[in-house]
């Protein structure tokens, strides 16, 4: 479920939550998503805030409106979200990581080894779940 994060506006958190649901397969292409009123009830927020989150996704062509029926997942929405998150989120995280490694005097080789070790650890955790 969605956990409110005070650092981001609630409507952005709602849009990110819906994106994550699309990525996980909970919503598929051309499937109807929750209405602003359902989201408002689910997360105890104002319906206008929920609508703003839905409209943000519509503006990004991740959702589309069917007049009188609601909002639906666009074809290729999953790919749009993956590309968006890679270009925005990953670049931001990598930038922060590199800046912090510079402040701490961590060499490029050490940093790369840390990343490789973490990826191996994550793969191991995934294998244990399967």
C-alpha atoms as a PDB file:
ATOM      1  CA  UNK A   1       0.000   0.000   0.000  1.00  0.00           C
ATOM      2  CA  UNK A   2       0.880   3.657  -0.175  1.00  0.00           C
ATOM      3  CA  UNK A   3       2.827   5.227   2.689  1.00  0.00           C
ATOM      4  CA  UNK A   4       2.773   9.011   2.879  1.00  0.00           C
ATOM      5  CA  UNK A   5       6.172  10.690   2.583  1.00  0.00           C
ATOM      6  CA  UNK A   6       6.280  14.262   3.886  1.00  0.00           C
ATOM      7  CA  UNK A   7       9.060  15.199   1.446  1.00  0.00           C
ATOM      8  CA  UNK A   8       6.793  14.937  -1.636  1.00  0.00           C
ATOM      9  CA  UNK A   9       3.354  16.385  -2.315  1.00  0.00           C
ATOM     10  CA  UNK A  10       0.620  13.804  -1.764  1.00  0.00           C
ATOM     11  CA  UNK A  11      -0.599  14.017  -5.368  1.00  0.00           C
ATOM     12  CA  UNK A  12       2.928  13.096  -6.567  1.00  0.00           C
ATOM     13  CA  UNK A  13       2.986  10.169  -4.142  1.00  0.00           C
ATOM     14  CA  UNK A  14      -0.390   9.002  -5.487  1.00  0.00           C
ATOM     15  CA  UNK A  15       0.877   9.174  -9.080  1.00  0.00           C
ATOM     16  CA  UNK A  16       4.061   7.278  -8.136  1.00  0.00           C
ATOM     17  CA  UNK A  17       1.999   4.640  -6.322  1.00  0.00           C
ATOM     18  CA  UNK A  18      -0.163   4.104  -9.422  1.00  0.00           C
ATOM     19  CA  UNK A  19       2.983   3.912 -11.564  1.00  0.00           C
ATOM     20  CA  UNK A  20       4.378   1.240  -9.237  1.00  0.00           C
ATOM     21  CA  UNK A  21       1.093  -0.675  -9.475  1.00  0.00           C
ATOM     22  CA  UNK A  22       1.385  -0.550 -13.286  1.00  0.00           C
ATOM     23  CA  UNK A  23       5.008  -1.739 -13.135  1.00  0.00           C
ATOM     24  CA  UNK A  24       4.048  -4.632 -10.857  1.00  0.00           C
ATOM     25  CA  UNK A  25       1.280  -5.711 -13.229  1.00  0.00           C
ATOM     26  CA  UNK A  26      -1.589  -4.837 -10.873  1.00  0.00           C
ATOM     27  CA  UNK A  27      -2.910  -2.611 -13.685  1.00  0.00           C
ATOM     28  CA  UNK A  28      -2.439  -3.573 -17.320  1.00  0.00           C
ATOM     29  CA  UNK A  29      -2.910  -1.802 -20.657  1.00  0.00           C
ATOM     30  CA  UNK A  30      -6.418  -0.393 -21.168  1.00  0.00           C
ATOM     31  CA  UNK A  31      -7.453  -1.405 -17.651  1.00  0.00           C
ATOM     32  CA  UNK A  32      -9.446   1.057 -15.559  1.00  0.00           C
ATOM     33  CA  UNK A  33      -7.602   2.455 -12.518  1.00  0.00           C
ATOM     34  CA  UNK A  34      -9.113   3.667  -9.252  1.00  0.00           C
ATOM     35  CA  UNK A  35     -11.251   6.806  -9.395  1.00  0.00           C
ATOM     36  CA  UNK A  36     -10.335   9.951  -7.490  1.00  0.00           C
ATOM     37  CA  UNK A  37     -13.047   9.082  -4.954  1.00  0.00           C
ATOM     38  CA  UNK A  38     -11.799   5.525  -4.476  1.00  0.00           C
ATOM     39  CA  UNK A  39      -8.244   6.819  -3.992  1.00  0.00           C
ATOM     40  CA  UNK A  40      -9.477   9.473  -1.565  1.00  0.00           C
ATOM     41  CA  UNK A  41     -11.245   6.839   0.507  1.00  0.00           C
ATOM     42  CA  UNK A  42      -8.359   4.347   0.323  1.00  0.00           C
ATOM     43  CA  UNK A  43      -5.735   6.849   1.469  1.00  0.00           C
ATOM     44  CA  UNK A  44      -7.897   9.231   3.495  1.00  0.00           C
ATOM     45  CA  UNK A  45      -7.092  12.238   1.317  1.00  0.00           C
ATOM     46  CA  UNK A  46      -9.069  14.945  -0.436  1.00  0.00           C
ATOM     47  CA  UNK A  47     -10.611  13.798  -3.756  1.00  0.00           C
ATOM     48  CA  UNK A  48      -9.153  16.901  -5.444  1.00  0.00           C
ATOM     49  CA  UNK A  49      -5.661  15.780  -4.386  1.00  0.00           C
ATOM     50  CA  UNK A  50      -6.309  12.310  -5.802  1.00  0.00           C
ATOM     51  CA  UNK A  51      -7.598  13.878  -9.028  1.00  0.00           C
ATOM     52  CA  UNK A  52      -4.424  15.942  -9.291  1.00  0.00           C
ATOM     53  CA  UNK A  53      -2.336  12.738  -9.081  1.00  0.00           C
ATOM     54  CA  UNK A  54      -4.451  11.070 -11.767  1.00  0.00           C
ATOM     55  CA  UNK A  55      -4.264  14.149 -14.006  1.00  0.00           C
ATOM     56  CA  UNK A  56      -0.491  14.228 -13.622  1.00  0.00           C
ATOM     57  CA  UNK A  57      -0.371  10.714 -15.091  1.00  0.00           C
ATOM     58  CA  UNK A  58      -2.788  11.700 -17.844  1.00  0.00           C
ATOM     59  CA  UNK A  59      -0.542  14.679 -18.701  1.00  0.00           C
ATOM     60  CA  UNK A  60       2.380  12.236 -18.986  1.00  0.00           C
ATOM     61  CA  UNK A  61       0.338   9.903 -21.243  1.00  0.00           C
ATOM     62  CA  UNK A  62       0.457   7.087 -18.710  1.00  0.00           C
ATOM     63  CA  UNK A  63      -3.308   7.229 -18.216  1.00  0.00           C
ATOM     64  CA  UNK A  64      -6.062   8.321 -20.571  1.00  0.00           C
ATOM     65  CA  UNK A  65      -9.609   9.482 -19.848  1.00  0.00           C
ATOM     66  CA  UNK A  66     -12.774   7.936 -21.198  1.00  0.00           C
ATOM     67  CA  UNK A  67     -15.477  10.504 -20.681  1.00  0.00           C
ATOM     68  CA  UNK A  68     -17.959   9.264 -18.108  1.00  0.00           C
ATOM     69  CA  UNK A  69     -16.055   6.022 -17.520  1.00  0.00           C
ATOM     70  CA  UNK A  70     -12.853   7.037 -15.746  1.00  0.00           C
ATOM     71  CA  UNK A  71      -9.117   6.751 -16.266  1.00  0.00           C
ATOM     72  CA  UNK A  72      -7.406   3.858 -18.023  1.00  0.00           C
ATOM     73  CA  UNK A  73      -3.813   2.684 -18.491  1.00  0.00           C
ATOM     74  CA  UNK A  74      -2.379   3.664 -21.877  1.00  0.00           C
ATOM     75  CA  UNK A  75      -0.759   1.073 -24.119  1.00  0.00           C
ATOM     76  CA  UNK A  76       3.002   1.055 -23.420  1.00  0.00           C
ATOM     77  CA  UNK A  77       2.501   2.806 -20.059  1.00  0.00           C
ATOM     78  CA  UNK A  78       4.859   0.338 -18.383  1.00  0.00           C
ATOM     79  CA  UNK A  79       7.624   1.194 -20.865  1.00  0.00           C
ATOM     80  CA  UNK A  80       7.022   4.957 -20.412  1.00  0.00           C
ATOM     81  CA  UNK A  81       7.321   4.586 -16.637  1.00  0.00           C
ATOM     82  CA  UNK A  82      10.497   2.482 -16.892  1.00  0.00           C
ATOM     83  CA  UNK A  83      12.128   5.042 -19.174  1.00  0.00           C
ATOM     84  CA  UNK A  84      11.018   7.948 -16.989  1.00  0.00           C
ATOM     85  CA  UNK A  85      12.301   6.345 -13.804  1.00  0.00           C
ATOM     86  CA  UNK A  86      15.599   5.388 -15.413  1.00  0.00           C
ATOM     87  CA  UNK A  87      16.166   8.882 -16.764  1.00  0.00           C
ATOM     88  CA  UNK A  88      14.987  10.785 -13.678  1.00  0.00           C
ATOM     89  CA  UNK A  89      15.249   8.647 -10.566  1.00  0.00           C
ATOM     90  CA  UNK A  90      18.333   6.613 -11.404  1.00  0.00           C
ATOM     91  CA  UNK A  91      20.326   9.583 -12.674  1.00  0.00           C
ATOM     92  CA  UNK A  92      19.462  11.530  -9.541  1.00  0.00           C
ATOM     93  CA  UNK A  93      20.438   8.656  -7.248  1.00  0.00           C
ATOM     94  CA  UNK A  94      23.689   8.047  -9.114  1.00  0.00           C
ATOM     95  CA  UNK A  95      24.520  11.752  -8.980  1.00  0.00           C
ATOM     96  CA  UNK A  96      23.969  11.838  -5.209  1.00  0.00           C
ATOM     97  CA  UNK A  97      25.993   8.648  -4.770  1.00  0.00           C
ATOM     98  CA  UNK A  98      28.935  10.006  -6.777  1.00  0.00           C
ATOM     99  CA  UNK A  99      28.888  13.334  -4.898  1.00  0.00           C
ATOM    100  CA  UNK A 100      28.859  11.555  -1.541  1.00  0.00           C
ATOM    101  CA  UNK A 101      31.657   9.213  -2.616  1.00  0.00           C
ATOM    102  CA  UNK A 102      33.733  12.290  -3.570  1.00  0.00           C
ATOM    103  CA  UNK A 103      33.103  13.868  -0.151  1.00  0.00           C
ATOM    104  CA  UNK A 104      34.131  10.642   1.581  1.00  0.00           C
ATOM    105  CA  UNK A 105      37.161  10.043  -0.593  1.00  0.00           C
ATOM    106  CA  UNK A 106      35.839   6.753  -1.986  1.00  0.00           C
ATOM    107  CA  UNK A 107      37.673   5.811  -5.169  1.00  0.00           C
ATOM    108  CA  UNK A 108      35.839   4.979  -8.387  1.00  0.00           C
ATOM    109  CA  UNK A 109      37.023   1.392  -8.111  1.00  0.00           C
ATOM    110  CA  UNK A 110      35.720   1.103  -4.528  1.00  0.00           C
ATOM    111  CA  UNK A 111      32.391   2.600  -5.551  1.00  0.00           C
ATOM    112  CA  UNK A 112      32.006   0.223  -8.499  1.00  0.00           C
ATOM    113  CA  UNK A 113      32.905  -2.730  -6.241  1.00  0.00           C
ATOM    114  CA  UNK A 114      30.302  -1.613  -3.670  1.00  0.00           C
ATOM    115  CA  UNK A 115      27.639  -1.433  -6.380  1.00  0.00           C
ATOM    116  CA  UNK A 116      28.603  -4.857  -7.764  1.00  0.00           C
ATOM    117  CA  UNK A 117      28.534  -6.368  -4.258  1.00  0.00           C
ATOM    118  CA  UNK A 118      25.086  -4.916  -3.586  1.00  0.00           C
ATOM    119  CA  UNK A 119      23.755  -6.201  -6.918  1.00  0.00           C
ATOM    120  CA  UNK A 120      25.052  -9.692  -6.074  1.00  0.00           C
ATOM    121  CA  UNK A 121      23.464  -9.476  -2.634  1.00  0.00           C
ATOM    122  CA  UNK A 122      20.133  -8.431  -4.172  1.00  0.00           C
ATOM    123  CA  UNK A 123      20.317 -11.261  -6.719  1.00  0.00           C
ATOM    124  CA  UNK A 124      20.931 -13.693  -3.870  1.00  0.00           C
ATOM    125  CA  UNK A 125      17.879 -12.391  -2.030  1.00  0.00           C
ATOM    126  CA  UNK A 126      15.790 -12.764  -5.197  1.00  0.00           C
ATOM    127  CA  UNK A 127      17.003 -16.348  -5.689  1.00  0.00           C
ATOM    128  CA  UNK A 128      16.004 -17.234  -2.121  1.00  0.00           C
ATOM    129  CA  UNK A 129      12.431 -16.019  -2.769  1.00  0.00           C
ATOM    130  CA  UNK A 130      12.010 -18.130  -5.931  1.00  0.00           C
END
